[in-house]
Structures are given as C-alpha cells and as structure tokens.
Amino acid sequence: MLEAAERLTRYEDVGRCVRKLVGATLDTAPTVTCFVNLHVRDLLDETLYAPDSPLVRHAERVVLELTERAALETVTGLPDRVKRLRELGFRIAVDDLGADYSGLEPEIVKIDMSLIRNIHKEPTKQKVVTAIASLCRDLGTMLVVEGVETVEERDVLVEIGCDLFQGYLFAMPSKPFVAVTW
C-alpha cells in the first residue's frame, strides 16, 4: 500500500489517515502506549507538528517509529524536526537499526527479526544482540526485539538483557486492543 501511495504521490494522505485513526483509537484507550510507524517523508508534513494534530494530544503515550524505507538525508532540518517532536512529548524509536540513523539518538531501538530468528542456536547472533543490548544500556536507550516466536528465543533474549519483546510467541497481529490471553 505504501509503495502505491508513493507512486501516486498520495503518501502524505496515507500518513495523515493513519495518524488520525491511531489518535481516535487512543481516545478510547487512555492507558495504552502506542508505537506508530512513520515514513521519513512524514517528518516533512507540518500537520504532524500541529497542536491540533490527532497524535499530539496523546504524545506522552506515542512512540514515533522511523523506518528505513527512505533515507534520512532527504529530510531537511532533521535534528530540528526530531527536537520539535520530542518537545511535543513524543518518543522516537528506530526500526531496524542501521547506519542511516547515526546521530539521531533515539529513545528506543528495535532489532529486526532476522537477528532474532533461531538466536538460541547461533552464537554469532547472540554476540551481535548482546553488543547492541550493551550499547543501548550504556546510552540509556530501550531495546525492543521483533519476531520472537519461540520460548527458546525469548529465554536467550531475557538472559542477554533485552527490554521489550514483540512476536507471535506473545500475540498474533490483530485489531487494536483486543483481549490477549497469556
């Protein structure tokens, strides 16, 4: 869908629609914290920063997650834009940690599932994730691991000291705020 929106030059409309839907959902869930994916181009949309923006009223409970679908170099004034978002109360997360994000200083870093899959069987992956987790602790950055599907993966990640986990082991993707059984 995002690729189609880009081809049709309607990406801004998609971003605004997603933010409106998330804002409306958060209106009905006052204790929920929500991660919202942003395309780098969303940072150029001034409505994101507007006081009446659907997410601003929930900024303390919203983590804006930047994806690597587009280069951050295309965003003029990136440090100032991120600073404005933080001043509004948003936290910033980096999805799929990579070199394009140097200097961004996120509050949250997410590790892609490709490093997590079968981590309990692969010592090299364990060393890489351990190094990232150690760096995050040193920087005061929260670490989220994606794609945790087995108890064995979870156990290794807990031992490494990862902060938060996502994956089928905990819940399948579904509509927002359905009852989860553990």
C-alpha atoms as a PDB file:
ATOM      1  CA  MET A   1       0.000   0.000   0.000  1.00  0.00           C
ATOM      2  CA  LEU A   2       2.823   2.378   0.869  1.00  0.00           C
ATOM      3  CA  GLU A   3       4.521   1.752  -2.460  1.00  0.00           C
ATOM      4  CA  ALA A   4       1.265   2.502  -4.291  1.00  0.00           C
ATOM      5  CA  ALA A   5       0.816   5.696  -2.270  1.00  0.00           C
ATOM      6  CA  GLU A   6       4.329   6.770  -3.234  1.00  0.00           C
ATOM      7  CA  ARG A   7       3.744   6.062  -6.926  1.00  0.00           C
ATOM      8  CA  LEU A   8       0.505   8.042  -6.827  1.00  0.00           C
ATOM      9  CA  THR A   9       2.087  10.858  -4.782  1.00  0.00           C
ATOM     10  CA  ARG A  10      -0.517  10.257  -2.063  1.00  0.00           C
ATOM     11  CA  TYR A  11       1.864   9.270   0.696  1.00  0.00           C
ATOM     12  CA  GLU A  12       1.065  12.354   2.757  1.00  0.00           C
ATOM     13  CA  ASP A  13      -2.624  11.398   2.690  1.00  0.00           C
ATOM     14  CA  VAL A  14      -1.875   7.875   3.920  1.00  0.00           C
ATOM     15  CA  GLY A  15       0.279   9.165   6.780  1.00  0.00           C
ATOM     16  CA  ARG A  16      -2.376  11.648   7.864  1.00  0.00           C
ATOM     17  CA  CYS A  17      -5.088   8.975   7.719  1.00  0.00           C
ATOM     18  CA  VAL A  18      -3.029   6.549   9.826  1.00  0.00           C
ATOM     19  CA  ARG A  19      -2.297   9.233  12.428  1.00  0.00           C
ATOM     20  CA  LYS A  20      -5.984  10.184  12.570  1.00  0.00           C
ATOM     21  CA  LEU A  21      -7.042   6.543  13.089  1.00  0.00           C
ATOM     22  CA  VAL A  22      -4.419   5.977  15.793  1.00  0.00           C
ATOM     23  CA  GLY A  23      -5.439   9.205  17.547  1.00  0.00           C
ATOM     24  CA  ALA A  24      -9.096   8.148  17.534  1.00  0.00           C
ATOM     25  CA  THR A  25      -8.158   4.717  18.882  1.00  0.00           C
ATOM     26  CA  LEU A  26      -6.082   6.262  21.669  1.00  0.00           C
ATOM     27  CA  ASP A  27      -9.062   8.460  22.592  1.00  0.00           C
ATOM     28  CA  THR A  28     -10.827   5.253  23.634  1.00  0.00           C
ATOM     29  CA  ALA A  29      -7.807   3.636  25.332  1.00  0.00           C
ATOM     30  CA  PRO A  30      -6.431   6.149  27.842  1.00  0.00           C
ATOM     31  CA  THR A  31      -3.798   3.869  29.386  1.00  0.00           C
ATOM     32  CA  VAL A  32      -2.276   2.443  26.203  1.00  0.00           C
ATOM     33  CA  THR A  33       1.130   3.389  24.787  1.00  0.00           C
ATOM     34  CA  CYS A  34       1.293   3.028  21.029  1.00  0.00           C
ATOM     35  CA  PHE A  35       4.125   2.695  18.501  1.00  0.00           C
ATOM     36  CA  VAL A  36       3.307   4.479  15.225  1.00  0.00           C
ATOM     37  CA  ASN A  37       5.394   3.830  12.127  1.00  0.00           C
ATOM     38  CA  LEU A  38       6.423   6.952  10.262  1.00  0.00           C
ATOM     39  CA  HIS A  39       7.870   7.128   6.809  1.00  0.00           C
ATOM     40  CA  VAL A  40      10.770   9.556   6.688  1.00  0.00           C
ATOM     41  CA  ARG A  41       8.646  11.817   4.480  1.00  0.00           C
ATOM     42  CA  ASP A  42       6.092  12.122   7.297  1.00  0.00           C
ATOM     43  CA  LEU A  43       8.687  14.242   9.084  1.00  0.00           C
ATOM     44  CA  LEU A  44       8.243  16.841   6.332  1.00  0.00           C
ATOM     45  CA  ASP A  45       4.470  17.080   6.904  1.00  0.00           C
ATOM     46  CA  GLU A  46       3.859  20.137   9.084  1.00  0.00           C
ATOM     47  CA  THR A  47       0.497  18.736  10.225  1.00  0.00           C
ATOM     48  CA  LEU A  48       2.472  16.174  12.260  1.00  0.00           C
ATOM     49  CA  TYR A  49       3.693  19.023  14.487  1.00  0.00           C
ATOM     50  CA  ALA A  50       0.419  20.983  14.687  1.00  0.00           C
ATOM     51  CA  PRO A  51      -1.066  21.439  18.174  1.00  0.00           C
ATOM     52  CA  ASP A  52      -4.409  20.069  16.935  1.00  0.00           C
ATOM     53  CA  SER A  53      -2.819  17.015  15.297  1.00  0.00           C
ATOM     54  CA  PRO A  54      -4.618  13.768  16.266  1.00  0.00           C
ATOM     55  CA  LEU A  55      -1.492  12.343  17.893  1.00  0.00           C
ATOM     56  CA  VAL A  56      -0.282  15.448  19.724  1.00  0.00           C
ATOM     57  CA  ARG A  57      -2.975  15.171  22.380  1.00  0.00           C
ATOM     58  CA  HIS A  58      -1.589  11.688  23.135  1.00  0.00           C
ATOM     59  CA  ALA A  59       2.100  12.468  22.578  1.00  0.00           C
ATOM     60  CA  GLU A  60       3.186  11.226  26.016  1.00  0.00           C
ATOM     61  CA  ARG A  61       1.848   7.772  25.062  1.00  0.00           C
ATOM     62  CA  VAL A  62       3.067   7.672  21.456  1.00  0.00           C
ATOM     63  CA  VAL A  63       6.405   6.399  20.211  1.00  0.00           C
ATOM     64  CA  LEU A  64       7.106   7.517  16.657  1.00  0.00           C
ATOM     65  CA  GLU A  65       8.946   4.715  14.917  1.00  0.00           C
ATOM     66  CA  LEU A  66      11.130   5.713  11.965  1.00  0.00           C
ATOM     67  CA  THR A  67      11.576   3.097   9.276  1.00  0.00           C
ATOM     68  CA  GLU A  68      14.438   2.662   6.829  1.00  0.00           C
ATOM     69  CA  ARG A  69      12.246   2.770   3.742  1.00  0.00           C
ATOM     70  CA  ALA A  70      13.736   6.115   2.744  1.00  0.00           C
ATOM     71  CA  ALA A  71      16.972   7.913   3.508  1.00  0.00           C
ATOM     72  CA  LEU A  72      17.001  10.402   6.333  1.00  0.00           C
ATOM     73  CA  GLU A  73      19.241  12.642   4.219  1.00  0.00           C
ATOM     74  CA  THR A  74      16.107  13.659   2.279  1.00  0.00           C
ATOM     75  CA  VAL A  75      14.714  15.385   5.375  1.00  0.00           C
ATOM     76  CA  THR A  76      15.880  18.963   5.633  1.00  0.00           C
ATOM     77  CA  GLY A  77      16.429  20.094   9.200  1.00  0.00           C
ATOM     78  CA  LEU A  78      16.139  16.566  10.614  1.00  0.00           C
ATOM     79  CA  PRO A  79      17.609  17.347  14.071  1.00  0.00           C
ATOM     80  CA  ASP A  80      15.249  20.304  14.496  1.00  0.00           C
ATOM     81  CA  ARG A  81      12.246  18.236  13.392  1.00  0.00           C
ATOM     82  CA  VAL A  82      13.063  15.445  15.857  1.00  0.00           C
ATOM     83  CA  LYS A  83      13.614  18.059  18.582  1.00  0.00           C
ATOM     84  CA  ARG A  84      10.168  19.565  17.854  1.00  0.00           C
ATOM     85  CA  LEU A  85       8.560  16.123  18.160  1.00  0.00           C
ATOM     86  CA  ARG A  86      10.288  15.500  21.478  1.00  0.00           C
ATOM     87  CA  GLU A  87       9.203  18.919  22.734  1.00  0.00           C
ATOM     88  CA  LEU A  88       5.618  17.890  21.943  1.00  0.00           C
ATOM     89  CA  GLY A  89       6.134  14.844  24.175  1.00  0.00           C
ATOM     90  CA  PHE A  90       6.761  12.106  21.594  1.00  0.00           C
ATOM     91  CA  ARG A  91       9.479   9.497  21.987  1.00  0.00           C
ATOM     92  CA  ILE A  92      11.451   8.375  18.934  1.00  0.00           C
ATOM     93  CA  ALA A  93      12.226   4.780  18.003  1.00  0.00           C
ATOM     94  CA  VAL A  94      14.446   3.431  15.266  1.00  0.00           C
ATOM     95  CA  ASP A  95      13.078   0.387  13.484  1.00  0.00           C
ATOM     96  CA  ASP A  96      15.693  -1.964  12.019  1.00  0.00           C
ATOM     97  CA  LEU A  97      18.772  -0.290  13.423  1.00  0.00           C
ATOM     98  CA  GLY A  98      21.150   0.768  10.659  1.00  0.00           C
ATOM     99  CA  ALA A  99      23.835   3.244   9.660  1.00  0.00           C
ATOM    100  CA  ASP A 100      21.382   5.820   8.269  1.00  0.00           C
ATOM    101  CA  TYR A 101      20.376   6.673  11.821  1.00  0.00           C
ATOM    102  CA  SER A 102      23.727   7.813  13.200  1.00  0.00           C
ATOM    103  CA  GLY A 103      23.265  10.957  15.243  1.00  0.00           C
ATOM    104  CA  LEU A 104      19.507  10.506  15.675  1.00  0.00           C
ATOM    105  CA  GLU A 105      19.853   9.466  19.342  1.00  0.00           C
ATOM    106  CA  PRO A 106      16.596   7.540  19.655  1.00  0.00           C
ATOM    107  CA  GLU A 107      14.986   6.656  22.957  1.00  0.00           C
ATOM    108  CA  ILE A 108      14.134   3.205  21.597  1.00  0.00           C
ATOM    109  CA  VAL A 109      15.901   0.878  19.156  1.00  0.00           C
ATOM    110  CA  LYS A 110      14.214  -2.122  17.539  1.00  0.00           C
ATOM    111  CA  ILE A 111      16.163  -5.144  16.337  1.00  0.00           C
ATOM    112  CA  ASP A 112      14.832  -6.813  13.210  1.00  0.00           C
ATOM    113  CA  MET A 113      13.608 -10.397  13.445  1.00  0.00           C
ATOM    114  CA  SER A 114      16.366 -11.573  11.094  1.00  0.00           C
ATOM    115  CA  LEU A 115      18.786 -11.291  14.040  1.00  0.00           C
ATOM    116  CA  ILE A 116      16.331 -12.932  16.426  1.00  0.00           C
ATOM    117  CA  ARG A 117      15.260 -15.983  14.437  1.00  0.00           C
ATOM    118  CA  ASN A 118      16.974 -19.065  15.954  1.00  0.00           C
ATOM    119  CA  ILE A 119      19.214 -16.912  18.156  1.00  0.00           C
ATOM    120  CA  HIS A 120      19.281 -19.754  20.675  1.00  0.00           C
ATOM    121  CA  LYS A 121      21.138 -21.887  18.079  1.00  0.00           C
ATOM    122  CA  GLU A 122      23.504 -19.254  16.664  1.00  0.00           C
ATOM    123  CA  PRO A 123      26.312 -17.921  18.870  1.00  0.00           C
ATOM    124  CA  THR A 124      27.211 -15.170  16.385  1.00  0.00           C
ATOM    125  CA  LYS A 125      23.693 -13.722  16.553  1.00  0.00           C
ATOM    126  CA  GLN A 126      23.878 -13.899  20.333  1.00  0.00           C
ATOM    127  CA  LYS A 127      27.112 -11.889  20.308  1.00  0.00           C
ATOM    128  CA  VAL A 128      25.674  -9.246  17.964  1.00  0.00           C
ATOM    129  CA  VAL A 129      22.482  -8.799  20.009  1.00  0.00           C
ATOM    130  CA  THR A 130      24.499  -8.795  23.250  1.00  0.00           C
ATOM    131  CA  ALA A 131      26.681  -5.986  21.867  1.00  0.00           C
ATOM    132  CA  ILE A 132      23.645  -3.963  20.760  1.00  0.00           C
ATOM    133  CA  ALA A 133      21.949  -4.517  24.125  1.00  0.00           C
ATOM    134  CA  SER A 134      25.088  -3.410  25.956  1.00  0.00           C
ATOM    135  CA  LEU A 135      25.392  -0.282  23.821  1.00  0.00           C
ATOM    136  CA  CYS A 136      21.723   0.544  24.393  1.00  0.00           C
ATOM    137  CA  ARG A 137      22.138   0.160  28.165  1.00  0.00           C
ATOM    138  CA  ASP A 138      25.210   2.428  28.080  1.00  0.00           C
ATOM    139  CA  LEU A 139      23.276   5.066  26.116  1.00  0.00           C
ATOM    140  CA  GLY A 140      20.099   4.752  28.187  1.00  0.00           C
ATOM    141  CA  THR A 141      18.203   3.555  25.114  1.00  0.00           C
ATOM    142  CA  MET A 142      15.405   0.998  25.410  1.00  0.00           C
ATOM    143  CA  LEU A 143      15.821  -2.108  23.236  1.00  0.00           C
ATOM    144  CA  VAL A 144      12.882  -3.850  21.567  1.00  0.00           C
ATOM    145  CA  VAL A 145      13.357  -7.160  19.747  1.00  0.00           C
ATOM    146  CA  GLU A 146      10.986  -8.121  16.948  1.00  0.00           C
ATOM    147  CA  GLY A 147       9.879 -11.532  15.769  1.00  0.00           C
ATOM    148  CA  VAL A 148      10.193 -13.585  18.951  1.00  0.00           C
ATOM    149  CA  GLU A 149       8.422 -16.829  18.098  1.00  0.00           C
ATOM    150  CA  THR A 150       9.769 -19.464  20.469  1.00  0.00           C
ATOM    151  CA  VAL A 151      10.340 -19.859  24.189  1.00  0.00           C
ATOM    152  CA  GLU A 152      13.987 -20.665  23.455  1.00  0.00           C
ATOM    153  CA  GLU A 153      14.484 -17.369  21.601  1.00  0.00           C
ATOM    154  CA  ARG A 154      12.779 -15.489  24.425  1.00  0.00           C
ATOM    155  CA  ASP A 155      14.910 -17.150  27.083  1.00  0.00           C
ATOM    156  CA  VAL A 156      18.161 -16.192  25.341  1.00  0.00           C
ATOM    157  CA  LEU A 157      16.955 -12.613  24.848  1.00  0.00           C
ATOM    158  CA  VAL A 158      15.954 -12.329  28.512  1.00  0.00           C
ATOM    159  CA  GLU A 159      19.408 -13.610  29.517  1.00  0.00           C
ATOM    160  CA  ILE A 160      21.038 -11.052  27.194  1.00  0.00           C
ATOM    161  CA  GLY A 161      19.016  -8.310  28.883  1.00  0.00           C
ATOM    162  CA  CYS A 162      16.684  -7.074  26.156  1.00  0.00           C
ATOM    163  CA  ASP A 163      13.961  -4.734  27.396  1.00  0.00           C
ATOM    164  CA  LEU A 164      10.825  -5.470  25.373  1.00  0.00           C
ATOM    165  CA  PHE A 165       9.694  -8.223  23.034  1.00  0.00           C
ATOM    166  CA  GLN A 166       7.344  -8.492  20.051  1.00  0.00           C
ATOM    167  CA  GLY A 167       6.334 -11.603  18.188  1.00  0.00           C
ATOM    168  CA  TYR A 168       3.962 -14.472  17.666  1.00  0.00           C
ATOM    169  CA  LEU A 169       5.057 -16.051  20.951  1.00  0.00           C
ATOM    170  CA  PHE A 170       3.134 -13.273  22.726  1.00  0.00           C
ATOM    171  CA  ALA A 171       0.319 -12.416  20.306  1.00  0.00           C
ATOM    172  CA  MET A 172      -0.616 -12.573  16.657  1.00  0.00           C
ATOM    173  CA  PRO A 173      -1.239  -9.298  14.793  1.00  0.00           C
ATOM    174  CA  SER A 174      -4.859  -8.296  15.214  1.00  0.00           C
ATOM    175  CA  LYS A 175      -7.189  -5.362  15.515  1.00  0.00           C
ATOM    176  CA  PRO A 176      -6.133  -2.792  18.121  1.00  0.00           C
ATOM    177  CA  PHE A 177      -6.632  -3.543  21.788  1.00  0.00           C
ATOM    178  CA  VAL A 178      -8.252  -6.969  21.616  1.00  0.00           C
ATOM    179  CA  ALA A 179      -8.166  -9.051  24.771  1.00  0.00           C
ATOM    180  CA  VAL A 180      -4.926 -11.043  24.942  1.00  0.00           C
ATOM    181  CA  THR A 181      -4.802 -14.380  26.732  1.00  0.00           C
ATOM    182  CA  TRP A 182      -1.471 -15.495  28.153  1.00  0.00           C
END
